[in-house]
Amino acid sequence: LLRVMFEVAGWKVYEFGEDALLDKFVEQQLDAGVEIVALSAFVRTSMLDIREVIKKLKERNDECRVMVGGTLLTPITAQKYAVDGWTESGGTVFDETIRLLTMLGEEELK
């Protein structure tokens, strides 16, 4: 649903797949030059995987910003995972994405 919302708004969206192997996922992110990676967790097992995905992404590209959301993720979980952004619903995802893009723009100016 969020992919469709972003595409309708005119943003380029890459969907690397929910079952992508971690190293392949990170390589695809690097190849595409993606500035923001959005991850979601709707089942407990995916919460555990998100921590490893974030670690790998940041190791390979510390300029990449990671945003998380989903029914099981809370602001406390997002803080523990050291993500750059968190959203509780699709209704706030655009605001959070714009905040992260602004952050990236300010960092480029420095």
PDB file of N, CA and C in Angstrom:
ATOM      1  N   LEU A   1       0.826  -1.196   0.000  1.00  0.00           N
ATOM      2  CA  LEU A   1       0.000   0.000   0.000  1.00  0.00           C
ATOM      3  C   LEU A   1       0.869   1.259   0.000  1.00  0.00           C
ATOM      4  N   LEU A   2       1.909   1.275   0.844  1.00  0.00           N
ATOM      5  CA  LEU A   2       2.744   2.469   0.911  1.00  0.00           C
ATOM      6  C   LEU A   2       3.493   2.700  -0.394  1.00  0.00           C
ATOM      7  N   ARG A   3       3.929   1.621  -1.034  1.00  0.00           N
ATOM      8  CA  ARG A   3       4.607   1.763  -2.322  1.00  0.00           C
ATOM      9  C   ARG A   3       3.707   2.499  -3.305  1.00  0.00           C
ATOM     10  N   VAL A   4       2.460   2.102  -3.361  1.00  0.00           N
ATOM     11  CA  VAL A   4       1.500   2.734  -4.273  1.00  0.00           C
ATOM     12  C   VAL A   4       1.316   4.205  -3.903  1.00  0.00           C
ATOM     13  N   MET A   5       1.216   4.497  -2.625  1.00  0.00           N
ATOM     14  CA  MET A   5       1.041   5.885  -2.183  1.00  0.00           C
ATOM     15  C   MET A   5       2.221   6.750  -2.635  1.00  0.00           C
ATOM     16  N   PHE A   6       3.442   6.241  -2.466  1.00  0.00           N
ATOM     17  CA  PHE A   6       4.617   7.003  -2.866  1.00  0.00           C
ATOM     18  C   PHE A   6       4.673   7.175  -4.387  1.00  0.00           C
ATOM     19  N   GLU A   7       4.356   6.137  -5.122  1.00  0.00           N
ATOM     20  CA  GLU A   7       4.380   6.232  -6.585  1.00  0.00           C
ATOM     21  C   GLU A   7       3.340   7.225  -7.099  1.00  0.00           C
ATOM     22  N   VAL A   8       2.164   7.212  -6.510  1.00  0.00           N
ATOM     23  CA  VAL A   8       1.124   8.162  -6.902  1.00  0.00           C
ATOM     24  C   VAL A   8       1.581   9.593  -6.623  1.00  0.00           C
ATOM     25  N   ALA A   9       2.359   9.764  -5.561  1.00  0.00           N
ATOM     26  CA  ALA A   9       2.877  11.092  -5.217  1.00  0.00           C
ATOM     27  C   ALA A   9       4.046  11.489  -6.118  1.00  0.00           C
ATOM     28  N   GLY A  10       4.482  10.568  -6.998  1.00  0.00           N
ATOM     29  CA  GLY A  10       5.537  10.893  -7.949  1.00  0.00           C
ATOM     30  C   GLY A  10       6.944  10.529  -7.502  1.00  0.00           C
ATOM     31  N   TRP A  11       7.084   9.745  -6.461  1.00  0.00           N
ATOM     32  CA  TRP A  11       8.395   9.371  -5.956  1.00  0.00           C
ATOM     33  C   TRP A  11       8.830   8.054  -6.567  1.00  0.00           C
ATOM     34  N   LYS A  12      10.108   7.901  -6.795  1.00  0.00           N
ATOM     35  CA  LYS A  12      10.663   6.653  -7.309  1.00  0.00           C
ATOM     36  C   LYS A  12      10.765   5.662  -6.158  1.00  0.00           C
ATOM     37  N   VAL A  13      10.209   4.477  -6.345  1.00  0.00           N
ATOM     38  CA  VAL A  13      10.204   3.452  -5.309  1.00  0.00           C
ATOM     39  C   VAL A  13      10.826   2.184  -5.864  1.00  0.00           C
ATOM     40  N   TYR A  14      11.742   1.610  -5.124  1.00  0.00           N
ATOM     41  CA  TYR A  14      12.327   0.318  -5.456  1.00  0.00           C
ATOM     42  C   TYR A  14      11.814  -0.687  -4.442  1.00  0.00           C
ATOM     43  N   GLU A  15      11.312  -1.783  -4.913  1.00  0.00           N
ATOM     44  CA  GLU A  15      10.859  -2.830  -3.999  1.00  0.00           C
ATOM     45  C   GLU A  15      11.797  -4.014  -4.177  1.00  0.00           C
ATOM     46  N   PHE A  16      12.618  -4.259  -3.158  1.00  0.00           N
ATOM     47  CA  PHE A  16      13.633  -5.302  -3.250  1.00  0.00           C
ATOM     48  C   PHE A  16      13.104  -6.661  -2.827  1.00  0.00           C
ATOM     49  N   GLY A  17      11.919  -6.700  -2.285  1.00  0.00           N
ATOM     50  CA  GLY A  17      11.292  -7.977  -1.966  1.00  0.00           C
ATOM     51  C   GLY A  17      11.376  -8.329  -0.497  1.00  0.00           C
ATOM     52  N   GLU A  18      10.324  -8.965  -0.043  1.00  0.00           N
ATOM     53  CA  GLU A  18      10.263  -9.326   1.375  1.00  0.00           C
ATOM     54  C   GLU A  18      11.118 -10.544   1.702  1.00  0.00           C
ATOM     55  N   ASP A  19      11.458 -11.337   0.692  1.00  0.00           N
ATOM     56  CA  ASP A  19      12.253 -12.535   0.937  1.00  0.00           C
ATOM     57  C   ASP A  19      13.660 -12.433   0.371  1.00  0.00           C
ATOM     58  N   ALA A  20      14.114 -11.218   0.084  1.00  0.00           N
ATOM     59  CA  ALA A  20      15.448 -11.029  -0.481  1.00  0.00           C
ATOM     60  C   ALA A  20      16.509 -11.435   0.546  1.00  0.00           C
ATOM     61  N   LEU A  21      17.544 -12.083   0.068  1.00  0.00           N
ATOM     62  CA  LEU A  21      18.664 -12.410   0.941  1.00  0.00           C
ATOM     63  C   LEU A  21      19.321 -11.108   1.387  1.00  0.00           C
ATOM     64  N   LEU A  22      19.787 -11.072   2.613  1.00  0.00           N
ATOM     65  CA  LEU A  22      20.276  -9.834   3.205  1.00  0.00           C
ATOM     66  C   LEU A  22      21.387  -9.191   2.386  1.00  0.00           C
ATOM     67  N   ASP A  23      22.411  -9.942   2.033  1.00  0.00           N
ATOM     68  CA  ASP A  23      23.513  -9.357   1.281  1.00  0.00           C
ATOM     69  C   ASP A  23      23.053  -8.852  -0.084  1.00  0.00           C
ATOM     70  N   LYS A  24      22.160  -9.592  -0.717  1.00  0.00           N
ATOM     71  CA  LYS A  24      21.620  -9.150  -2.011  1.00  0.00           C
ATOM     72  C   LYS A  24      20.787  -7.878  -1.834  1.00  0.00           C
ATOM     73  N   PHE A  25      20.016  -7.814  -0.775  1.00  0.00           N
ATOM     74  CA  PHE A  25      19.219  -6.627  -0.472  1.00  0.00           C
ATOM     75  C   PHE A  25      20.112  -5.400  -0.332  1.00  0.00           C
ATOM     76  N   VAL A  26      21.204  -5.546   0.416  1.00  0.00           N
ATOM     77  CA  VAL A  26      22.133  -4.426   0.624  1.00  0.00           C
ATOM     78  C   VAL A  26      22.782  -4.028  -0.700  1.00  0.00           C
ATOM     79  N   GLU A  27      23.174  -4.995  -1.501  1.00  0.00           N
ATOM     80  CA  GLU A  27      23.771  -4.695  -2.808  1.00  0.00           C
ATOM     81  C   GLU A  27      22.781  -3.958  -3.707  1.00  0.00           C
ATOM     82  N   GLN A  28      21.528  -4.377  -3.703  1.00  0.00           N
ATOM     83  CA  GLN A  28      20.515  -3.709  -4.518  1.00  0.00           C
ATOM     84  C   GLN A  28      20.340  -2.265  -4.059  1.00  0.00           C
ATOM     85  N   GLN A  29      20.363  -2.047  -2.770  1.00  0.00           N
ATOM     86  CA  GLN A  29      20.237  -0.691  -2.235  1.00  0.00           C
ATOM     87  C   GLN A  29      21.397   0.169  -2.708  1.00  0.00           C
ATOM     88  N   LEU A  30      22.597  -0.362  -2.647  1.00  0.00           N
ATOM     89  CA  LEU A  30      23.775   0.386  -3.087  1.00  0.00           C
ATOM     90  C   LEU A  30      23.711   0.671  -4.587  1.00  0.00           C
ATOM     91  N   ASP A  31      23.374  -0.334  -5.374  1.00  0.00           N
ATOM     92  CA  ASP A  31      23.308  -0.176  -6.835  1.00  0.00           C
ATOM     93  C   ASP A  31      22.263   0.855  -7.243  1.00  0.00           C
ATOM     94  N   ALA A  32      21.145   0.888  -6.549  1.00  0.00           N
ATOM     95  CA  ALA A  32      20.060   1.808  -6.891  1.00  0.00           C
ATOM     96  C   ALA A  32      20.322   3.224  -6.372  1.00  0.00           C
ATOM     97  N   GLY A  33      21.263   3.370  -5.440  1.00  0.00           N
ATOM     98  CA  GLY A  33      21.537   4.685  -4.874  1.00  0.00           C
ATOM     99  C   GLY A  33      20.399   5.207  -4.021  1.00  0.00           C
ATOM    100  N   VAL A  34      19.704   4.300  -3.373  1.00  0.00           N
ATOM    101  CA  VAL A  34      18.557   4.659  -2.551  1.00  0.00           C
ATOM    102  C   VAL A  34      19.009   5.461  -1.329  1.00  0.00           C
ATOM    103  N   GLU A  35      18.330   6.578  -1.085  1.00  0.00           N
ATOM    104  CA  GLU A  35      18.677   7.423   0.050  1.00  0.00           C
ATOM    105  C   GLU A  35      17.964   7.016   1.334  1.00  0.00           C
ATOM    106  N   ILE A  36      16.753   6.501   1.192  1.00  0.00           N
ATOM    107  CA  ILE A  36      15.969   6.094   2.359  1.00  0.00           C
ATOM    108  C   ILE A  36      15.460   4.675   2.134  1.00  0.00           C
ATOM    109  N   VAL A  37      15.689   3.827   3.130  1.00  0.00           N
ATOM    110  CA  VAL A  37      15.179   2.468   3.101  1.00  0.00           C
ATOM    111  C   VAL A  37      14.081   2.383   4.155  1.00  0.00           C
ATOM    112  N   ALA A  38      12.919   1.929   3.740  1.00  0.00           N
ATOM    113  CA  ALA A  38      11.794   1.768   4.657  1.00  0.00           C
ATOM    114  C   ALA A  38      11.571   0.283   4.899  1.00  0.00           C
ATOM    115  N   LEU A  39      11.501  -0.083   6.167  1.00  0.00           N
ATOM    116  CA  LEU A  39      11.293  -1.471   6.572  1.00  0.00           C
ATOM    117  C   LEU A  39      10.060  -1.545   7.451  1.00  0.00           C
ATOM    118  N   SER A  40       9.368  -2.663   7.376  1.00  0.00           N
ATOM    119  CA  SER A  40       8.192  -2.817   8.227  1.00  0.00           C
ATOM    120  C   SER A  40       8.197  -4.187   8.884  1.00  0.00           C
ATOM    121  N   ALA A  41       7.539  -4.256  10.024  1.00  0.00           N
ATOM    122  CA  ALA A  41       7.428  -5.512  10.766  1.00  0.00           C
ATOM    123  C   ALA A  41       5.985  -5.696  11.199  1.00  0.00           C
ATOM    124  N   PHE A  42       5.419  -6.799  10.756  1.00  0.00           N
ATOM    125  CA  PHE A  42       4.048  -7.118  11.141  1.00  0.00           C
ATOM    126  C   PHE A  42       3.967  -8.441  11.892  1.00  0.00           C
ATOM    127  N   VAL A  43       5.089  -9.171  11.936  1.00  0.00           N
ATOM    128  CA  VAL A  43       5.173 -10.404  12.718  1.00  0.00           C
ATOM    129  C   VAL A  43       6.467 -10.361  13.532  1.00  0.00           C
ATOM    130  N   ARG A  44       6.472 -10.993  14.659  1.00  0.00           N
ATOM    131  CA  ARG A  44       7.596 -10.912  15.597  1.00  0.00           C
ATOM    132  C   ARG A  44       8.927 -11.341  14.970  1.00  0.00           C
ATOM    133  N   THR A  45       8.928 -12.355  14.123  1.00  0.00           N
ATOM    134  CA  THR A  45      10.197 -12.823  13.552  1.00  0.00           C
ATOM    135  C   THR A  45      10.839 -11.765  12.671  1.00  0.00           C
ATOM    136  N   SER A  46      10.048 -10.954  11.989  1.00  0.00           N
ATOM    137  CA  SER A  46      10.642  -9.916  11.144  1.00  0.00           C
ATOM    138  C   SER A  46      11.284  -8.807  11.976  1.00  0.00           C
ATOM    139  N   MET A  47      10.825  -8.618  13.202  1.00  0.00           N
ATOM    140  CA  MET A  47      11.452  -7.624  14.079  1.00  0.00           C
ATOM    141  C   MET A  47      12.910  -7.975  14.332  1.00  0.00           C
ATOM    142  N   LEU A  48      13.188  -9.248  14.504  1.00  0.00           N
ATOM    143  CA  LEU A  48      14.559  -9.673  14.756  1.00  0.00           C
ATOM    144  C   LEU A  48      15.432  -9.449  13.532  1.00  0.00           C
ATOM    145  N   ASP A  49      14.892  -9.682  12.359  1.00  0.00           N
ATOM    146  CA  ASP A  49      15.643  -9.496  11.119  1.00  0.00           C
ATOM    147  C   ASP A  49      15.954  -8.034  10.847  1.00  0.00           C
ATOM    148  N   ILE A  50      15.064  -7.146  11.228  1.00  0.00           N
ATOM    149  CA  ILE A  50      15.254  -5.726  10.949  1.00  0.00           C
ATOM    150  C   ILE A  50      16.544  -5.213  11.571  1.00  0.00           C
ATOM    151  N   ARG A  51      16.857  -5.637  12.754  1.00  0.00           N
ATOM    152  CA  ARG A  51      18.084  -5.191  13.419  1.00  0.00           C
ATOM    153  C   ARG A  51      19.311  -5.537  12.570  1.00  0.00           C
ATOM    154  N   GLU A  52      19.348  -6.743  12.016  1.00  0.00           N
ATOM    155  CA  GLU A  52      20.477  -7.176  11.191  1.00  0.00           C
ATOM    156  C   GLU A  52      20.510  -6.424   9.861  1.00  0.00           C
ATOM    157  N   VAL A  53      19.355  -6.175   9.274  1.00  0.00           N
ATOM    158  CA  VAL A  53      19.291  -5.414   8.025  1.00  0.00           C
ATOM    159  C   VAL A  53      19.865  -4.013   8.239  1.00  0.00           C
ATOM    160  N   ILE A  54      19.452  -3.349   9.303  1.00  0.00           N
ATOM    161  CA  ILE A  54      19.932  -1.996   9.604  1.00  0.00           C
ATOM    162  C   ILE A  54      21.446  -2.005   9.788  1.00  0.00           C
ATOM    163  N   LYS A  55      21.949  -2.958  10.522  1.00  0.00           N
ATOM    164  CA  LYS A  55      23.394  -3.063  10.761  1.00  0.00           C
ATOM    165  C   LYS A  55      24.153  -3.185   9.439  1.00  0.00           C
ATOM    166  N   LYS A  56      23.710  -4.084   8.568  1.00  0.00           N
ATOM    167  CA  LYS A  56      24.376  -4.299   7.275  1.00  0.00           C
ATOM    168  C   LYS A  56      24.292  -3.059   6.384  1.00  0.00           C
ATOM    169  N   LEU A  57      23.128  -2.429   6.341  1.00  0.00           N
ATOM    170  CA  LEU A  57      22.969  -1.232   5.520  1.00  0.00           C
ATOM    171  C   LEU A  57      23.915  -0.139   5.973  1.00  0.00           C
ATOM    172  N   LYS A  58      23.987   0.106   7.265  1.00  0.00           N
ATOM    173  CA  LYS A  58      24.830   1.176   7.807  1.00  0.00           C
ATOM    174  C   LYS A  58      26.318   0.860   7.651  1.00  0.00           C
ATOM    175  N   GLU A  59      26.682  -0.417   7.718  1.00  0.00           N
ATOM    176  CA  GLU A  59      28.085  -0.797   7.512  1.00  0.00           C
ATOM    177  C   GLU A  59      28.534  -0.460   6.093  1.00  0.00           C
ATOM    178  N   ARG A  60      27.677  -0.683   5.130  1.00  0.00           N
ATOM    179  CA  ARG A  60      28.029  -0.489   3.717  1.00  0.00           C
ATOM    180  C   ARG A  60      27.777   0.935   3.229  1.00  0.00           C
ATOM    181  N   ASN A  61      26.827   1.630   3.846  1.00  0.00           N
ATOM    182  CA  ASN A  61      26.476   2.969   3.381  1.00  0.00           C
ATOM    183  C   ASN A  61      25.944   3.780   4.554  1.00  0.00           C
ATOM    184  N   ASP A  62      26.836   4.459   5.242  1.00  0.00           N
ATOM    185  CA  ASP A  62      26.409   5.204   6.438  1.00  0.00           C
ATOM    186  C   ASP A  62      25.585   6.440   6.099  1.00  0.00           C
ATOM    187  N   GLU A  63      25.492   6.796   4.817  1.00  0.00           N
ATOM    188  CA  GLU A  63      24.658   7.930   4.416  1.00  0.00           C
ATOM    189  C   GLU A  63      23.198   7.532   4.190  1.00  0.00           C
ATOM    190  N   CYS A  64      22.953   6.255   4.078  1.00  0.00           N
ATOM    191  CA  CYS A  64      21.592   5.756   3.900  1.00  0.00           C
ATOM    192  C   CYS A  64      20.796   5.995   5.185  1.00  0.00           C
ATOM    193  N   ARG A  65      19.567   6.419   5.036  1.00  0.00           N
ATOM    194  CA  ARG A  65      18.697   6.609   6.192  1.00  0.00           C
ATOM    195  C   ARG A  65      17.673   5.479   6.206  1.00  0.00           C
ATOM    196  N   VAL A  66      17.411   4.972   7.403  1.00  0.00           N
ATOM    197  CA  VAL A  66      16.501   3.843   7.555  1.00  0.00           C
ATOM    198  C   VAL A  66      15.290   4.274   8.379  1.00  0.00           C
ATOM    199  N   MET A  67      14.128   3.973   7.833  1.00  0.00           N
ATOM    200  CA  MET A  67      12.868   4.286   8.496  1.00  0.00           C
ATOM    201  C   MET A  67      12.129   2.968   8.728  1.00  0.00           C
ATOM    202  N   VAL A  68      11.536   2.813   9.893  1.00  0.00           N
ATOM    203  CA  VAL A  68      10.810   1.588  10.201  1.00  0.00           C
ATOM    204  C   VAL A  68       9.377   1.907  10.613  1.00  0.00           C
ATOM    205  N   GLY A  69       8.536   0.903  10.472  1.00  0.00           N
ATOM    206  CA  GLY A  69       7.149   1.016  10.888  1.00  0.00           C
ATOM    207  C   GLY A  69       6.534  -0.368  10.928  1.00  0.00           C
ATOM    208  N   GLY A  70       5.324  -0.423  11.340  1.00  0.00           N
ATOM    209  CA  GLY A  70       4.632  -1.703  11.430  1.00  0.00           C
ATOM    210  C   GLY A  70       3.959  -1.833  12.771  1.00  0.00           C
ATOM    211  N   THR A  71       3.037  -2.745  12.829  1.00  0.00           N
ATOM    212  CA  THR A  71       2.213  -2.871  14.026  1.00  0.00           C
ATOM    213  C   THR A  71       2.997  -3.268  15.265  1.00  0.00           C
ATOM    214  N   LEU A  72       4.134  -3.915  15.104  1.00  0.00           N
ATOM    215  CA  LEU A  72       4.898  -4.370  16.274  1.00  0.00           C
ATOM    216  C   LEU A  72       5.996  -3.401  16.702  1.00  0.00           C
ATOM    217  N   LEU A  73       6.289  -2.403  15.880  1.00  0.00           N
ATOM    218  CA  LEU A  73       7.372  -1.492  16.205  1.00  0.00           C
ATOM    219  C   LEU A  73       6.853  -0.271  16.947  1.00  0.00           C
ATOM    220  N   THR A  74       7.590   0.124  17.953  1.00  0.00           N
ATOM    221  CA  THR A  74       7.236   1.276  18.775  1.00  0.00           C
ATOM    222  C   THR A  74       8.391   2.274  18.738  1.00  0.00           C
ATOM    223  N   PRO A  75       8.192   3.479  19.243  1.00  0.00           N
ATOM    224  CA  PRO A  75       9.316   4.422  19.308  1.00  0.00           C
ATOM    225  C   PRO A  75      10.489   3.862  20.126  1.00  0.00           C
ATOM    226  N   ILE A  76      10.197   3.089  21.150  1.00  0.00           N
ATOM    227  CA  ILE A  76      11.260   2.496  21.970  1.00  0.00           C
ATOM    228  C   ILE A  76      12.053   1.480  21.159  1.00  0.00           C
ATOM    229  N   THR A  77      11.355   0.636  20.402  1.00  0.00           N
ATOM    230  CA  THR A  77      12.032  -0.336  19.541  1.00  0.00           C
ATOM    231  C   THR A  77      12.873   0.386  18.497  1.00  0.00           C
ATOM    232  N   ALA A  78      12.315   1.424  17.887  1.00  0.00           N
ATOM    233  CA  ALA A  78      13.047   2.186  16.876  1.00  0.00           C
ATOM    234  C   ALA A  78      14.314   2.788  17.470  1.00  0.00           C
ATOM    235  N   GLN A  79      14.226   3.271  18.688  1.00  0.00           N
ATOM    236  CA  GLN A  79      15.405   3.842  19.356  1.00  0.00           C
ATOM    237  C   GLN A  79      16.437   2.752  19.624  1.00  0.00           C
ATOM    238  N   LYS A  80      16.008   1.598  20.089  1.00  0.00           N
ATOM    239  CA  LYS A  80      16.928   0.480  20.332  1.00  0.00           C
ATOM    240  C   LYS A  80      17.642   0.058  19.059  1.00  0.00           C
ATOM    241  N   TYR A  81      16.922   0.091  17.941  1.00  0.00           N
ATOM    242  CA  TYR A  81      17.489  -0.324  16.656  1.00  0.00           C
ATOM    243  C   TYR A  81      18.310   0.784  16.007  1.00  0.00           C
ATOM    244  N   ALA A  82      18.326   1.956  16.615  1.00  0.00           N
ATOM    245  CA  ALA A  82      19.091   3.105  16.126  1.00  0.00           C
ATOM    246  C   ALA A  82      18.704   3.487  14.693  1.00  0.00           C
ATOM    247  N   VAL A  83      17.411   3.526  14.429  1.00  0.00           N
ATOM    248  CA  VAL A  83      16.946   3.931  13.108  1.00  0.00           C
ATOM    249  C   VAL A  83      16.881   5.451  13.023  1.00  0.00           C
ATOM    250  N   ASP A  84      16.791   5.936  11.820  1.00  0.00           N
ATOM    251  CA  ASP A  84      16.745   7.377  11.606  1.00  0.00           C
ATOM    252  C   ASP A  84      15.324   7.916  11.672  1.00  0.00           C
ATOM    253  N   GLY A  85      14.350   7.053  11.410  1.00  0.00           N
ATOM    254  CA  GLY A  85      12.970   7.492  11.424  1.00  0.00           C
ATOM    255  C   GLY A  85      12.034   6.359  11.798  1.00  0.00           C
ATOM    256  N   TRP A  86      10.898   6.725  12.334  1.00  0.00           N
ATOM    257  CA  TRP A  86       9.880   5.759  12.740  1.00  0.00           C
ATOM    258  C   TRP A  86       8.523   6.368  12.434  1.00  0.00           C
ATOM    259  N   THR A  87       7.620   5.526  12.000  1.00  0.00           N
ATOM    260  CA  THR A  87       6.260   5.988  11.765  1.00  0.00           C
ATOM    261  C   THR A  87       5.283   4.936  12.267  1.00  0.00           C
ATOM    262  N   GLU A  88       4.231   5.391  12.874  1.00  0.00           N
ATOM    263  CA  GLU A  88       3.277   4.443  13.437  1.00  0.00           C
ATOM    264  C   GLU A  88       2.204   4.022  12.449  1.00  0.00           C
ATOM    265  N   SER A  89       2.067   4.779  11.355  1.00  0.00           N
ATOM    266  CA  SER A  89       1.017   4.418  10.397  1.00  0.00           C
ATOM    267  C   SER A  89       1.325   5.007   9.030  1.00  0.00           C
ATOM    268  N   GLY A  90       0.595   4.530   8.051  1.00  0.00           N
ATOM    269  CA  GLY A  90       0.740   5.073   6.715  1.00  0.00           C
ATOM    270  C   GLY A  90       0.368   6.543   6.638  1.00  0.00           C
ATOM    271  N   GLY A  91      -0.428   6.992   7.574  1.00  0.00           N
ATOM    272  CA  GLY A  91      -0.856   8.391   7.595  1.00  0.00           C
ATOM    273  C   GLY A  91       0.252   9.361   7.943  1.00  0.00           C
ATOM    274  N   THR A  92       1.309   8.884   8.590  1.00  0.00           N
ATOM    275  CA  THR A  92       2.417   9.771   8.981  1.00  0.00           C
ATOM    276  C   THR A  92       3.703   9.486   8.208  1.00  0.00           C
ATOM    277  N   VAL A  93       3.661   8.531   7.301  1.00  0.00           N
ATOM    278  CA  VAL A  93       4.880   8.125   6.611  1.00  0.00           C
ATOM    279  C   VAL A  93       5.436   9.235   5.718  1.00  0.00           C
ATOM    280  N   PHE A  94       4.587  10.032   5.081  1.00  0.00           N
ATOM    281  CA  PHE A  94       5.096  11.109   4.231  1.00  0.00           C
ATOM    282  C   PHE A  94       5.815  12.168   5.058  1.00  0.00           C
ATOM    283  N   ASP A  95       5.252  12.530   6.192  1.00  0.00           N
ATOM    284  CA  ASP A  95       5.902  13.522   7.053  1.00  0.00           C
ATOM    285  C   ASP A  95       7.282  13.044   7.493  1.00  0.00           C
ATOM    286  N   GLU A  96       7.370  11.794   7.871  1.00  0.00           N
ATOM    287  CA  GLU A  96       8.640  11.250   8.334  1.00  0.00           C
ATOM    288  C   GLU A  96       9.650  11.163   7.187  1.00  0.00           C
ATOM    289  N   THR A  97       9.182  10.795   6.009  1.00  0.00           N
ATOM    290  CA  THR A  97      10.064  10.719   4.849  1.00  0.00           C
ATOM    291  C   THR A  97      10.601  12.099   4.489  1.00  0.00           C
ATOM    292  N   ILE A  98       9.757  13.090   4.500  1.00  0.00           N
ATOM    293  CA  ILE A  98      10.201  14.460   4.205  1.00  0.00           C
ATOM    294  C   ILE A  98      11.194  14.928   5.252  1.00  0.00           C
ATOM    295  N   ARG A  99      10.978  14.576   6.505  1.00  0.00           N
ATOM    296  CA  ARG A  99      11.927  14.937   7.564  1.00  0.00           C
ATOM    297  C   ARG A  99      13.297  14.319   7.284  1.00  0.00           C
ATOM    298  N   LEU A 100      13.317  13.047   6.862  1.00  0.00           N
ATOM    299  CA  LEU A 100      14.582  12.381   6.570  1.00  0.00           C
ATOM    300  C   LEU A 100      15.257  12.979   5.338  1.00  0.00           C
ATOM    301  N   LEU A 101      14.489  13.312   4.323  1.00  0.00           N
ATOM    302  CA  LEU A 101      15.070  13.946   3.138  1.00  0.00           C
ATOM    303  C   LEU A 101      15.647  15.316   3.477  1.00  0.00           C
ATOM    304  N   THR A 102      14.967  16.054   4.331  1.00  0.00           N
ATOM    305  CA  THR A 102      15.478  17.349   4.786  1.00  0.00           C
ATOM    306  C   THR A 102      16.783  17.156   5.541  1.00  0.00           C
ATOM    307  N   MET A 103      16.831  16.144   6.394  1.00  0.00           N
ATOM    308  CA  MET A 103      18.049  15.820   7.148  1.00  0.00           C
ATOM    309  C   MET A 103      19.201  15.542   6.183  1.00  0.00           C
ATOM    310  N   LEU A 104      18.944  14.741   5.157  1.00  0.00           N
ATOM    311  CA  LEU A 104      19.973  14.410   4.177  1.00  0.00           C
ATOM    312  C   LEU A 104      20.441  15.668   3.447  1.00  0.00           C
ATOM    313  N   GLY A 105      19.519  16.536   3.075  1.00  0.00           N
ATOM    314  CA  GLY A 105      19.869  17.768   2.396  1.00  0.00           C
ATOM    315  C   GLY A 105      20.731  18.681   3.256  1.00  0.00           C
ATOM    316  N   GLU A 106      20.394  18.796   4.537  1.00  0.00           N
ATOM    317  CA  GLU A 106      21.177  19.617   5.454  1.00  0.00           C
ATOM    318  C   GLU A 106      22.584  19.052   5.633  1.00  0.00           C
ATOM    319  N   GLU A 107      22.688  17.731   5.680  1.00  0.00           N
ATOM    320  CA  GLU A 107      24.000  17.092   5.816  1.00  0.00           C
ATOM    321  C   GLU A 107      24.857  17.327   4.583  1.00  0.00           C
ATOM    322  N   GLU A 108      24.249  17.349   3.409  1.00  0.00           N
ATOM    323  CA  GLU A 108      24.994  17.604   2.170  1.00  0.00           C
ATOM    324  C   GLU A 108      25.535  19.028   2.138  1.00  0.00           C
ATOM    325  N   LEU A 109      24.804  19.966   2.729  1.00  0.00           N
ATOM    326  CA  LEU A 109      25.235  21.350   2.734  1.00  0.00           C
ATOM    327  C   LEU A 109      26.411  21.616   3.666  1.00  0.00           C
ATOM    328  N   LYS A 110      26.619  20.730   4.621  1.00  0.00           N
ATOM    329  CA  LYS A 110      27.709  20.926   5.592  1.00  0.00           C
ATOM    330  C   LYS A 110      29.054  20.622   5.003  1.00  0.00           C
TER     331      LYS A 110
END
